[in-house]
Amino acid sequence: MVARVSKQGITDTRVLSALQSIERHRFVDSALVNQAYEDTSLPIGLGQTISKPSVVARMTELLCHGVSGKLGRVLEIGTGCGYQAALLSLLASEVYSIERLRGLHEKARENLRHLRLANLHLLFGDGMLGYAKGAPYAAIIAAAGGDAVPQAWIDQLAIGGRLVAPVVKGSGSGAQQALLVIDKTPSGVRQSVLESVHFVPLKSGIA
């Protein structure tokens, strides 16, 4: 899996090393274990998915771009099964990961227990609000896409920080998600829209 991701253009050795360290099969249902290392998204219950390894690697590399050494404090919106959170914990000094579906929050806690990641904090709550108590964040990453990035996320991003999230571009039948990178500079916010992606919709509230 790591070799394939590398062939697809991921060059950051920190990201490749994290992918090598965290076993993806531990984060999917036992019936899907034989597909765990294919480049495909898989269902994790409650209508949610674990993203393709290539997309996880791409978003993580974008987050690390331009940073030498470890990332500082990171906020992840949408813990899901906990796989991305585990990777981030190896790349950042501290990770806050928030999930709005209690069933998934509990599942992620279970999935991550064996790793004993002291710098990873799992939160149950509405990700659209971010997590102000941990702000400001050096990086924010989201695993769900809406029409726009919530202002709360931008407010909680540190100056010099970077946010990577899917957003919906276009409308009606032409609407599709694309990766958005936001860099917060002293003079304002700089946005770059990158390739098309497919994530679950961003929703508010808890369930």
N, C-alpha and C. Protein backbone atom coordinates (compact mmCIF):
# COMPACT_ATOMS: atom_id res chain seq x y z
N MET A 1 0.83 -1.21 0.00
CA MET A 1 0.00 0.00 0.00
C MET A 1 0.87 1.26 0.00
N VAL A 2 1.90 1.24 0.86
CA VAL A 2 2.77 2.41 0.96
C VAL A 2 3.55 2.62 -0.33
N ALA A 3 4.01 1.53 -0.93
CA ALA A 3 4.73 1.63 -2.20
C ALA A 3 3.84 2.21 -3.29
N ARG A 4 2.57 1.80 -3.29
CA ARG A 4 1.63 2.30 -4.31
C ARG A 4 1.37 3.80 -4.11
N VAL A 5 1.18 4.20 -2.86
CA VAL A 5 0.95 5.62 -2.55
C VAL A 5 2.16 6.45 -2.98
N SER A 6 3.34 5.91 -2.75
CA SER A 6 4.58 6.58 -3.15
C SER A 6 4.64 6.74 -4.67
N LYS A 7 4.25 5.67 -5.39
CA LYS A 7 4.23 5.73 -6.86
C LYS A 7 3.23 6.77 -7.38
N GLN A 8 2.18 7.00 -6.58
CA GLN A 8 1.15 7.95 -6.99
C GLN A 8 1.56 9.40 -6.71
N GLY A 9 2.78 9.58 -6.20
CA GLY A 9 3.31 10.94 -6.08
C GLY A 9 3.48 11.48 -4.68
N ILE A 10 3.21 10.66 -3.66
CA ILE A 10 3.43 11.12 -2.28
C ILE A 10 4.91 10.94 -1.96
N THR A 11 5.59 12.05 -1.66
CA THR A 11 7.04 11.99 -1.47
C THR A 11 7.49 12.30 -0.04
N ASP A 12 6.60 12.84 0.79
CA ASP A 12 6.98 13.21 2.16
C ASP A 12 7.29 11.94 2.97
N THR A 13 8.53 11.80 3.37
CA THR A 13 8.94 10.57 4.06
C THR A 13 8.24 10.43 5.42
N ARG A 14 7.89 11.55 6.04
CA ARG A 14 7.17 11.48 7.33
C ARG A 14 5.80 10.83 7.14
N VAL A 15 5.12 11.21 6.06
CA VAL A 15 3.78 10.66 5.78
C VAL A 15 3.88 9.18 5.43
N LEU A 16 4.85 8.83 4.60
CA LEU A 16 5.03 7.42 4.20
C LEU A 16 5.38 6.56 5.42
N SER A 17 6.20 7.10 6.30
CA SER A 17 6.59 6.37 7.50
C SER A 17 5.38 6.15 8.42
N ALA A 18 4.53 7.17 8.55
CA ALA A 18 3.32 7.04 9.38
C ALA A 18 2.38 5.98 8.79
N LEU A 19 2.24 5.98 7.48
CA LEU A 19 1.40 4.97 6.80
C LEU A 19 1.94 3.57 7.05
N GLN A 20 3.26 3.47 7.09
CA GLN A 20 3.90 2.17 7.34
C GLN A 20 3.65 1.71 8.78
N SER A 21 3.59 2.65 9.70
CA SER A 21 3.49 2.33 11.13
C SER A 21 2.08 1.95 11.59
N ILE A 22 1.05 2.58 10.97
CA ILE A 22 -0.33 2.36 11.44
C ILE A 22 -1.01 1.33 10.55
N GLU A 23 -1.43 0.22 11.13
CA GLU A 23 -2.04 -0.88 10.35
C GLU A 23 -3.50 -0.56 10.05
N ARG A 24 -3.78 -0.37 8.76
CA ARG A 24 -5.13 0.05 8.36
C ARG A 24 -6.19 -1.02 8.65
N HIS A 25 -5.78 -2.29 8.62
CA HIS A 25 -6.78 -3.36 8.80
C HIS A 25 -7.40 -3.33 10.20
N ARG A 26 -6.72 -2.70 11.15
CA ARG A 26 -7.26 -2.62 12.52
C ARG A 26 -8.43 -1.64 12.62
N PHE A 27 -8.66 -0.88 11.56
CA PHE A 27 -9.68 0.17 11.60
C PHE A 27 -10.90 -0.15 10.73
N VAL A 28 -10.93 -1.35 10.14
CA VAL A 28 -12.09 -1.75 9.34
C VAL A 28 -12.71 -3.01 9.96
N ASP A 29 -13.97 -3.27 9.59
CA ASP A 29 -14.66 -4.45 10.11
C ASP A 29 -13.94 -5.72 9.65
N SER A 30 -14.02 -6.76 10.46
CA SER A 30 -13.28 -8.00 10.17
C SER A 30 -13.63 -8.57 8.80
N ALA A 31 -14.87 -8.36 8.34
CA ALA A 31 -15.29 -8.88 7.03
C ALA A 31 -14.58 -8.18 5.87
N LEU A 32 -14.00 -7.02 6.14
CA LEU A 32 -13.36 -6.22 5.08
C LEU A 32 -11.84 -6.19 5.18
N VAL A 33 -11.31 -6.97 6.11
CA VAL A 33 -9.87 -6.94 6.37
C VAL A 33 -9.05 -7.24 5.11
N ASN A 34 -9.54 -8.16 4.27
CA ASN A 34 -8.77 -8.51 3.06
C ASN A 34 -8.73 -7.37 2.04
N GLN A 35 -9.56 -6.33 2.24
CA GLN A 35 -9.53 -5.17 1.33
C GLN A 35 -8.84 -3.97 1.97
N ALA A 36 -8.34 -4.14 3.18
CA ALA A 36 -7.85 -3.00 3.96
C ALA A 36 -6.69 -2.25 3.31
N TYR A 37 -5.88 -2.95 2.50
CA TYR A 37 -4.71 -2.30 1.93
C TYR A 37 -4.87 -1.98 0.45
N GLU A 38 -6.10 -2.12 -0.05
CA GLU A 38 -6.41 -1.68 -1.42
C GLU A 38 -6.67 -0.18 -1.39
N ASP A 39 -6.51 0.46 -2.55
CA ASP A 39 -6.74 1.92 -2.59
C ASP A 39 -8.22 2.20 -2.81
N THR A 40 -8.98 1.93 -1.78
CA THR A 40 -10.43 2.10 -1.88
C THR A 40 -10.98 2.57 -0.54
N SER A 41 -12.09 3.31 -0.60
CA SER A 41 -12.77 3.68 0.66
C SER A 41 -13.66 2.51 1.06
N LEU A 42 -13.86 2.33 2.34
CA LEU A 42 -14.64 1.19 2.85
C LEU A 42 -15.65 1.69 3.88
N PRO A 43 -16.82 1.02 3.96
CA PRO A 43 -17.82 1.43 4.95
C PRO A 43 -17.36 1.12 6.38
N ILE A 44 -17.66 2.05 7.29
CA ILE A 44 -17.30 1.82 8.70
C ILE A 44 -18.54 1.88 9.60
N GLY A 45 -19.72 1.89 8.96
CA GLY A 45 -20.97 1.94 9.73
C GLY A 45 -21.54 3.35 9.82
N LEU A 46 -22.84 3.42 10.13
CA LEU A 46 -23.54 4.69 10.29
C LEU A 46 -23.43 5.60 9.06
N GLY A 47 -23.35 4.96 7.88
CA GLY A 47 -23.31 5.72 6.63
C GLY A 47 -22.00 6.43 6.35
N GLN A 48 -20.95 6.09 7.11
CA GLN A 48 -19.65 6.76 6.96
C GLN A 48 -18.63 5.79 6.35
N THR A 49 -17.50 6.35 5.90
CA THR A 49 -16.47 5.53 5.27
C THR A 49 -15.08 5.89 5.80
N ILE A 50 -14.16 4.94 5.65
CA ILE A 50 -12.73 5.23 5.83
C ILE A 50 -12.23 5.60 4.44
N SER A 51 -11.54 6.73 4.35
CA SER A 51 -11.11 7.24 3.04
C SER A 51 -10.04 6.35 2.41
N LYS A 52 -9.91 6.49 1.08
CA LYS A 52 -8.86 5.78 0.35
C LYS A 52 -7.49 6.15 0.93
N PRO A 53 -6.57 5.19 1.04
CA PRO A 53 -5.22 5.51 1.52
C PRO A 53 -4.55 6.64 0.72
N SER A 54 -4.77 6.66 -0.60
CA SER A 54 -4.13 7.69 -1.42
C SER A 54 -4.64 9.08 -1.08
N VAL A 55 -5.93 9.19 -0.75
CA VAL A 55 -6.52 10.49 -0.39
C VAL A 55 -6.06 10.91 1.00
N VAL A 56 -6.03 9.95 1.93
CA VAL A 56 -5.53 10.23 3.28
C VAL A 56 -4.08 10.74 3.19
N ALA A 57 -3.28 10.05 2.40
CA ALA A 57 -1.87 10.43 2.25
C ALA A 57 -1.73 11.81 1.61
N ARG A 58 -2.53 12.07 0.60
CA ARG A 58 -2.47 13.36 -0.11
C ARG A 58 -2.83 14.52 0.83
N MET A 59 -3.94 14.35 1.58
CA MET A 59 -4.37 15.42 2.48
C MET A 59 -3.36 15.63 3.61
N THR A 60 -2.79 14.53 4.09
CA THR A 60 -1.80 14.62 5.17
C THR A 60 -0.53 15.31 4.68
N GLU A 61 -0.11 14.97 3.46
CA GLU A 61 1.08 15.61 2.89
C GLU A 61 0.85 17.11 2.68
N LEU A 62 -0.34 17.48 2.22
CA LEU A 62 -0.68 18.90 2.06
C LEU A 62 -0.60 19.63 3.41
N LEU A 63 -1.05 18.95 4.46
CA LEU A 63 -1.04 19.53 5.80
C LEU A 63 0.39 19.77 6.28
N CYS A 64 1.29 18.85 5.94
CA CYS A 64 2.69 18.91 6.39
C CYS A 64 3.56 19.80 5.51
N HIS A 65 3.04 20.19 4.36
CA HIS A 65 3.84 20.93 3.37
C HIS A 65 4.43 22.22 3.98
N GLY A 66 5.70 22.38 3.79
CA GLY A 66 6.35 23.61 4.27
C GLY A 66 6.70 23.61 5.75
N VAL A 67 6.37 22.52 6.44
CA VAL A 67 6.68 22.43 7.87
C VAL A 67 7.87 21.50 8.06
N SER A 68 8.92 22.01 8.69
CA SER A 68 10.05 21.12 8.97
C SER A 68 9.83 20.55 10.37
N GLY A 69 10.10 19.28 10.52
CA GLY A 69 9.85 18.64 11.82
C GLY A 69 8.36 18.37 12.01
N LYS A 70 7.95 18.33 13.27
CA LYS A 70 6.55 17.96 13.56
C LYS A 70 5.61 19.14 13.39
N LEU A 71 4.37 18.82 13.03
CA LEU A 71 3.30 19.81 13.08
C LEU A 71 3.06 20.15 14.54
N GLY A 72 2.49 21.31 14.80
CA GLY A 72 2.11 21.65 16.17
C GLY A 72 0.80 20.98 16.55
N ARG A 73 -0.11 21.74 17.07
CA ARG A 73 -1.41 21.20 17.47
C ARG A 73 -2.33 21.12 16.25
N VAL A 74 -2.98 19.96 16.09
CA VAL A 74 -3.84 19.72 14.92
C VAL A 74 -5.27 19.42 15.37
N LEU A 75 -6.23 19.94 14.61
CA LEU A 75 -7.64 19.61 14.82
C LEU A 75 -8.14 18.80 13.64
N GLU A 76 -8.73 17.63 13.93
CA GLU A 76 -9.34 16.81 12.88
C GLU A 76 -10.86 16.86 13.05
N ILE A 77 -11.56 17.19 11.97
CA ILE A 77 -13.02 17.20 11.99
C ILE A 77 -13.52 15.89 11.38
N GLY A 78 -14.15 15.06 12.19
CA GLY A 78 -14.64 13.77 11.70
C GLY A 78 -13.67 12.64 12.00
N THR A 79 -13.70 12.12 13.22
CA THR A 79 -12.77 11.06 13.61
C THR A 79 -13.01 9.79 12.81
N GLY A 80 -14.30 9.51 12.52
CA GLY A 80 -14.63 8.26 11.83
C GLY A 80 -14.14 7.06 12.62
N CYS A 81 -13.38 6.18 11.99
CA CYS A 81 -12.88 4.97 12.66
C CYS A 81 -11.59 5.23 13.42
N GLY A 82 -10.99 6.43 13.24
CA GLY A 82 -9.79 6.78 13.99
C GLY A 82 -8.47 6.62 13.23
N TYR A 83 -8.52 6.17 11.98
CA TYR A 83 -7.29 5.89 11.23
C TYR A 83 -6.47 7.16 10.97
N GLN A 84 -7.13 8.18 10.43
CA GLN A 84 -6.42 9.43 10.14
C GLN A 84 -5.87 10.05 11.43
N ALA A 85 -6.65 9.98 12.50
CA ALA A 85 -6.21 10.53 13.79
C ALA A 85 -4.93 9.86 14.26
N ALA A 86 -4.86 8.54 14.07
CA ALA A 86 -3.66 7.79 14.47
C ALA A 86 -2.44 8.25 13.66
N LEU A 87 -2.62 8.43 12.36
CA LEU A 87 -1.52 8.91 11.51
C LEU A 87 -1.06 10.29 11.97
N LEU A 88 -2.04 11.18 12.21
CA LEU A 88 -1.72 12.55 12.61
C LEU A 88 -0.95 12.58 13.93
N SER A 89 -1.27 11.64 14.83
CA SER A 89 -0.62 11.64 16.15
C SER A 89 0.88 11.38 16.02
N LEU A 90 1.30 10.72 14.93
CA LEU A 90 2.72 10.46 14.70
C LEU A 90 3.43 11.67 14.07
N LEU A 91 2.62 12.59 13.54
CA LEU A 91 3.18 13.71 12.76
C LEU A 91 3.05 15.06 13.47
N ALA A 92 2.29 15.09 14.57
CA ALA A 92 2.00 16.35 15.25
C ALA A 92 2.31 16.24 16.74
N SER A 93 2.50 17.38 17.38
CA SER A 93 2.78 17.37 18.82
C SER A 93 1.52 17.00 19.60
N GLU A 94 0.34 17.42 19.08
CA GLU A 94 -0.91 17.15 19.76
C GLU A 94 -2.05 17.12 18.74
N VAL A 95 -3.00 16.20 18.93
CA VAL A 95 -4.12 16.08 18.01
C VAL A 95 -5.44 16.06 18.78
N TYR A 96 -6.34 16.93 18.36
CA TYR A 96 -7.73 16.89 18.84
C TYR A 96 -8.57 16.40 17.67
N SER A 97 -9.33 15.33 17.88
CA SER A 97 -10.17 14.78 16.81
C SER A 97 -11.61 14.72 17.31
N ILE A 98 -12.51 15.34 16.55
CA ILE A 98 -13.90 15.46 17.00
C ILE A 98 -14.84 14.70 16.07
N GLU A 99 -15.80 13.98 16.66
CA GLU A 99 -16.76 13.17 15.90
C GLU A 99 -18.17 13.46 16.41
N ARG A 100 -19.12 13.64 15.47
CA ARG A 100 -20.49 13.99 15.86
C ARG A 100 -21.40 12.77 16.07
N LEU A 101 -20.96 11.59 15.62
CA LEU A 101 -21.77 10.37 15.78
C LEU A 101 -21.21 9.55 16.94
N ARG A 102 -22.00 9.42 17.98
CA ARG A 102 -21.49 8.75 19.20
C ARG A 102 -21.00 7.33 18.92
N GLY A 103 -21.73 6.59 18.07
CA GLY A 103 -21.34 5.22 17.74
C GLY A 103 -19.94 5.16 17.15
N LEU A 104 -19.60 6.11 16.28
CA LEU A 104 -18.26 6.13 15.67
C LEU A 104 -17.21 6.62 16.67
N HIS A 105 -17.58 7.58 17.48
CA HIS A 105 -16.66 8.08 18.52
C HIS A 105 -16.21 6.91 19.42
N GLU A 106 -17.18 6.07 19.82
CA GLU A 106 -16.87 4.91 20.68
C GLU A 106 -16.03 3.88 19.93
N LYS A 107 -16.37 3.68 18.65
CA LYS A 107 -15.63 2.70 17.83
C LYS A 107 -14.18 3.14 17.65
N ALA A 108 -13.98 4.43 17.39
CA ALA A 108 -12.62 4.95 17.23
C ALA A 108 -11.82 4.77 18.51
N ARG A 109 -12.46 5.04 19.64
CA ARG A 109 -11.79 4.87 20.94
C ARG A 109 -11.30 3.42 21.10
N GLU A 110 -12.18 2.50 20.72
CA GLU A 110 -11.85 1.07 20.80
C GLU A 110 -10.70 0.72 19.84
N ASN A 111 -10.81 1.21 18.60
CA ASN A 111 -9.78 0.93 17.58
C ASN A 111 -8.41 1.45 17.98
N LEU A 112 -8.38 2.57 18.69
CA LEU A 112 -7.12 3.25 18.99
C LEU A 112 -6.49 2.82 20.31
N ARG A 113 -7.27 2.10 21.11
CA ARG A 113 -6.81 1.77 22.47
C ARG A 113 -5.43 1.10 22.47
N HIS A 114 -5.23 0.13 21.57
CA HIS A 114 -3.97 -0.64 21.57
C HIS A 114 -2.75 0.21 21.26
N LEU A 115 -2.95 1.37 20.62
CA LEU A 115 -1.82 2.20 20.21
C LEU A 115 -1.32 3.11 21.35
N ARG A 116 -2.17 3.35 22.33
CA ARG A 116 -1.80 4.18 23.49
C ARG A 116 -1.13 5.48 23.08
N LEU A 117 -1.85 6.27 22.31
CA LEU A 117 -1.32 7.53 21.79
C LEU A 117 -1.63 8.66 22.77
N ALA A 118 -0.64 9.02 23.57
CA ALA A 118 -0.87 9.99 24.66
C ALA A 118 -1.19 11.39 24.16
N ASN A 119 -0.78 11.70 22.93
CA ASN A 119 -0.98 13.07 22.42
C ASN A 119 -2.27 13.21 21.59
N LEU A 120 -3.11 12.16 21.60
CA LEU A 120 -4.35 12.17 20.81
C LEU A 120 -5.55 12.27 21.74
N HIS A 121 -6.39 13.28 21.50
CA HIS A 121 -7.58 13.50 22.32
C HIS A 121 -8.83 13.33 21.46
N LEU A 122 -9.67 12.35 21.79
CA LEU A 122 -10.90 12.10 21.04
C LEU A 122 -12.05 12.84 21.70
N LEU A 123 -12.78 13.61 20.91
CA LEU A 123 -13.88 14.43 21.43
C LEU A 123 -15.18 14.05 20.75
N PHE A 124 -16.27 14.06 21.52
CA PHE A 124 -17.60 13.85 20.95
C PHE A 124 -18.29 15.20 20.89
N GLY A 125 -18.66 15.64 19.68
CA GLY A 125 -19.30 16.94 19.57
C GLY A 125 -19.52 17.32 18.11
N ASP A 126 -20.00 18.54 17.92
CA ASP A 126 -20.31 19.07 16.59
C ASP A 126 -19.06 19.65 15.96
N GLY A 127 -18.52 18.94 14.99
CA GLY A 127 -17.28 19.36 14.34
C GLY A 127 -17.38 20.70 13.63
N MET A 128 -18.58 21.10 13.21
CA MET A 128 -18.72 22.37 12.51
C MET A 128 -18.36 23.55 13.40
N LEU A 129 -18.41 23.33 14.71
CA LEU A 129 -18.05 24.39 15.66
C LEU A 129 -16.55 24.39 15.96
N GLY A 130 -15.84 23.36 15.44
CA GLY A 130 -14.43 23.22 15.79
C GLY A 130 -14.29 22.87 17.26
N TYR A 131 -13.16 23.23 17.85
CA TYR A 131 -12.94 23.01 19.28
C TYR A 131 -12.11 24.18 19.79
N ALA A 132 -12.82 25.21 20.24
CA ALA A 132 -12.18 26.48 20.60
C ALA A 132 -11.18 26.33 21.75
N LYS A 133 -11.44 25.37 22.66
CA LYS A 133 -10.56 25.21 23.83
C LYS A 133 -9.13 24.86 23.44
N GLY A 134 -8.97 24.18 22.31
CA GLY A 134 -7.63 23.77 21.90
C GLY A 134 -6.95 24.76 20.96
N ALA A 135 -7.69 25.77 20.51
CA ALA A 135 -7.17 26.72 19.52
C ALA A 135 -6.11 27.64 20.14
N PRO A 136 -5.23 28.21 19.31
CA PRO A 136 -5.18 28.10 17.85
C PRO A 136 -4.46 26.83 17.38
N TYR A 137 -4.83 26.38 16.19
CA TYR A 137 -4.26 25.15 15.62
C TYR A 137 -3.28 25.46 14.49
N ALA A 138 -2.19 24.70 14.48
CA ALA A 138 -1.22 24.82 13.39
C ALA A 138 -1.80 24.24 12.10
N ALA A 139 -2.72 23.29 12.25
CA ALA A 139 -3.32 22.65 11.09
C ALA A 139 -4.71 22.12 11.44
N ILE A 140 -5.61 22.19 10.46
CA ILE A 140 -6.96 21.64 10.61
C ILE A 140 -7.25 20.80 9.37
N ILE A 141 -7.80 19.61 9.59
CA ILE A 141 -8.14 18.71 8.47
C ILE A 141 -9.56 18.21 8.67
N ALA A 142 -10.32 18.12 7.59
CA ALA A 142 -11.72 17.68 7.69
C ALA A 142 -11.97 16.50 6.76
N ALA A 143 -12.80 15.56 7.24
CA ALA A 143 -13.12 14.36 6.47
C ALA A 143 -14.57 14.37 6.00
N ALA A 144 -15.13 15.58 5.84
CA ALA A 144 -16.49 15.74 5.31
C ALA A 144 -16.55 17.08 4.61
N GLY A 145 -17.37 17.14 3.55
CA GLY A 145 -17.39 18.35 2.72
C GLY A 145 -18.73 19.05 2.69
N GLY A 146 -18.71 20.36 2.89
CA GLY A 146 -19.92 21.17 2.78
C GLY A 146 -19.76 22.22 1.69
N ASP A 147 -20.73 23.14 1.61
CA ASP A 147 -20.69 24.19 0.59
C ASP A 147 -19.60 25.22 0.87
N ALA A 148 -19.23 25.31 2.14
CA ALA A 148 -18.19 26.28 2.54
C ALA A 148 -17.52 25.78 3.80
N VAL A 149 -16.33 26.29 4.05
CA VAL A 149 -15.62 25.96 5.29
C VAL A 149 -16.21 26.83 6.41
N PRO A 150 -16.66 26.22 7.51
CA PRO A 150 -17.22 27.02 8.61
C PRO A 150 -16.24 28.08 9.11
N GLN A 151 -16.77 29.26 9.39
CA GLN A 151 -15.93 30.37 9.87
C GLN A 151 -15.19 30.00 11.16
N ALA A 152 -15.84 29.16 11.99
CA ALA A 152 -15.22 28.75 13.26
C ALA A 152 -13.85 28.10 13.02
N TRP A 153 -13.74 27.32 11.95
CA TRP A 153 -12.47 26.65 11.67
C TRP A 153 -11.39 27.68 11.34
N ILE A 154 -11.75 28.64 10.50
CA ILE A 154 -10.78 29.66 10.09
C ILE A 154 -10.37 30.49 11.30
N ASP A 155 -11.34 30.81 12.16
CA ASP A 155 -11.05 31.58 13.38
C ASP A 155 -10.08 30.83 14.29
N GLN A 156 -10.20 29.50 14.32
CA GLN A 156 -9.39 28.69 15.24
C GLN A 156 -8.04 28.29 14.65
N LEU A 157 -7.80 28.65 13.39
CA LEU A 157 -6.52 28.36 12.73
C LEU A 157 -5.51 29.44 13.12
N ALA A 158 -4.31 29.02 13.47
CA ALA A 158 -3.26 29.97 13.84
C ALA A 158 -2.77 30.73 12.61
N ILE A 159 -2.24 31.92 12.83
CA ILE A 159 -1.55 32.64 11.74
C ILE A 159 -0.37 31.75 11.32
N GLY A 160 -0.24 31.53 10.02
CA GLY A 160 0.80 30.62 9.53
C GLY A 160 0.32 29.18 9.45
N GLY A 161 -0.94 28.96 9.88
CA GLY A 161 -1.50 27.61 9.86
C GLY A 161 -2.15 27.27 8.52
N ARG A 162 -2.45 25.99 8.36
CA ARG A 162 -3.04 25.51 7.10
C ARG A 162 -4.23 24.61 7.38
N LEU A 163 -5.26 24.77 6.57
CA LEU A 163 -6.48 23.96 6.67
C LEU A 163 -6.68 23.20 5.35
N VAL A 164 -6.98 21.92 5.44
CA VAL A 164 -7.24 21.10 4.25
C VAL A 164 -8.61 20.43 4.43
N ALA A 165 -9.52 20.69 3.50
CA ALA A 165 -10.88 20.15 3.61
C ALA A 165 -11.52 20.02 2.24
N PRO A 166 -12.45 19.06 2.08
CA PRO A 166 -13.22 19.02 0.85
C PRO A 166 -14.33 20.07 0.89
N VAL A 167 -14.60 20.72 -0.25
CA VAL A 167 -15.74 21.64 -0.34
C VAL A 167 -16.51 21.34 -1.62
N VAL A 168 -17.79 21.67 -1.61
CA VAL A 168 -18.63 21.46 -2.80
C VAL A 168 -18.47 22.66 -3.72
N LYS A 169 -18.15 22.38 -4.98
CA LYS A 169 -18.03 23.42 -5.99
C LYS A 169 -19.12 23.23 -7.03
N GLY A 170 -19.69 24.33 -7.51
CA GLY A 170 -20.77 24.23 -8.51
C GLY A 170 -22.10 23.94 -7.82
N SER A 171 -23.15 23.80 -8.62
CA SER A 171 -24.48 23.55 -8.04
C SER A 171 -25.26 22.59 -8.92
N GLY A 172 -26.35 22.07 -8.35
CA GLY A 172 -27.20 21.14 -9.09
C GLY A 172 -26.45 19.90 -9.50
N SER A 173 -26.72 19.40 -10.71
CA SER A 173 -26.10 18.16 -11.18
C SER A 173 -24.60 18.33 -11.43
N GLY A 174 -24.16 19.58 -11.57
CA GLY A 174 -22.74 19.83 -11.81
C GLY A 174 -21.93 19.97 -10.54
N ALA A 175 -22.58 19.86 -9.39
CA ALA A 175 -21.87 20.05 -8.11
C ALA A 175 -20.95 18.87 -7.84
N GLN A 176 -19.74 19.17 -7.44
CA GLN A 176 -18.83 18.11 -7.01
C GLN A 176 -17.85 18.66 -5.99
N GLN A 177 -17.27 17.74 -5.22
CA GLN A 177 -16.34 18.16 -4.18
C GLN A 177 -14.93 18.29 -4.74
N ALA A 178 -14.20 19.25 -4.19
CA ALA A 178 -12.79 19.41 -4.52
C ALA A 178 -12.04 19.67 -3.22
N LEU A 179 -10.75 19.36 -3.24
CA LEU A 179 -9.92 19.64 -2.07
C LEU A 179 -9.63 21.14 -2.01
N LEU A 180 -9.80 21.72 -0.84
CA LEU A 180 -9.52 23.13 -0.64
C LEU A 180 -8.39 23.25 0.38
N VAL A 181 -7.41 24.06 0.06
CA VAL A 181 -6.33 24.36 1.00
C VAL A 181 -6.42 25.83 1.37
N ILE A 182 -6.50 26.12 2.65
CA ILE A 182 -6.54 27.50 3.13
C ILE A 182 -5.29 27.76 3.97
N ASP A 183 -4.54 28.77 3.59
CA ASP A 183 -3.38 29.21 4.37
C ASP A 183 -3.73 30.53 5.03
N LYS A 184 -3.55 30.61 6.34
CA LYS A 184 -3.87 31.83 7.08
C LYS A 184 -2.59 32.64 7.28
N THR A 185 -2.52 33.77 6.63
CA THR A 185 -1.32 34.60 6.68
C THR A 185 -1.60 35.85 7.52
N PRO A 186 -0.57 36.58 7.90
CA PRO A 186 -0.79 37.82 8.67
C PRO A 186 -1.68 38.81 7.91
N SER A 187 -1.67 38.72 6.57
CA SER A 187 -2.47 39.68 5.79
C SER A 187 -3.83 39.13 5.35
N GLY A 188 -4.16 37.92 5.81
CA GLY A 188 -5.47 37.37 5.43
C GLY A 188 -5.39 35.89 5.07
N VAL A 189 -6.44 35.44 4.36
CA VAL A 189 -6.57 34.02 4.05
C VAL A 189 -6.33 33.78 2.56
N ARG A 190 -5.50 32.79 2.25
CA ARG A 190 -5.22 32.44 0.85
C ARG A 190 -5.81 31.06 0.57
N GLN A 191 -6.59 30.94 -0.49
CA GLN A 191 -7.26 29.67 -0.80
C GLN A 191 -6.77 29.08 -2.12
N SER A 192 -6.60 27.75 -2.14
CA SER A 192 -6.27 27.04 -3.38
C SER A 192 -7.23 25.87 -3.52
N VAL A 193 -7.86 25.76 -4.69
CA VAL A 193 -8.75 24.64 -4.98
C VAL A 193 -7.98 23.63 -5.82
N LEU A 194 -7.94 22.38 -5.34
CA LEU A 194 -7.15 21.34 -6.01
C LEU A 194 -8.08 20.31 -6.66
N GLU A 195 -7.66 19.05 -6.68
CA GLU A 195 -8.37 18.02 -7.43
C GLU A 195 -9.71 17.62 -6.82
N SER A 196 -10.53 16.97 -7.64
CA SER A 196 -11.83 16.46 -7.19
C SER A 196 -11.64 15.33 -6.19
N VAL A 197 -12.54 15.28 -5.20
CA VAL A 197 -12.53 14.21 -4.20
C VAL A 197 -13.98 13.84 -3.91
N HIS A 198 -14.15 12.76 -3.15
CA HIS A 198 -15.51 12.36 -2.79
C HIS A 198 -15.55 11.98 -1.31
N PHE A 199 -16.18 12.84 -0.51
CA PHE A 199 -16.32 12.59 0.92
C PHE A 199 -17.80 12.64 1.30
N VAL A 200 -18.11 12.14 2.48
CA VAL A 200 -19.48 12.23 3.00
C VAL A 200 -19.78 13.72 3.25
N PRO A 201 -21.08 14.10 3.24
CA PRO A 201 -21.43 15.51 3.46
C PRO A 201 -21.14 15.96 4.88
N LEU A 202 -20.76 17.21 5.00
CA LEU A 202 -20.53 17.83 6.31
C LEU A 202 -21.87 18.16 6.94
N LYS A 203 -22.08 17.72 8.17
CA LYS A 203 -23.36 17.95 8.86
C LYS A 203 -23.10 18.55 10.23
N SER A 204 -24.12 19.29 10.71
CA SER A 204 -24.01 19.89 12.04
C SER A 204 -24.76 19.03 13.06
N GLY A 205 -24.56 19.36 14.33
CA GLY A 205 -25.26 18.65 15.39
C GLY A 205 -24.58 17.34 15.75
N ILE A 206 -25.13 16.67 16.76
CA ILE A 206 -24.60 15.37 17.18
C ILE A 206 -25.69 14.32 17.10
N ALA A 207 -25.30 13.06 17.01
CA ALA A 207 -26.28 11.99 16.89
C ALA A 207 -25.74 10.71 17.53
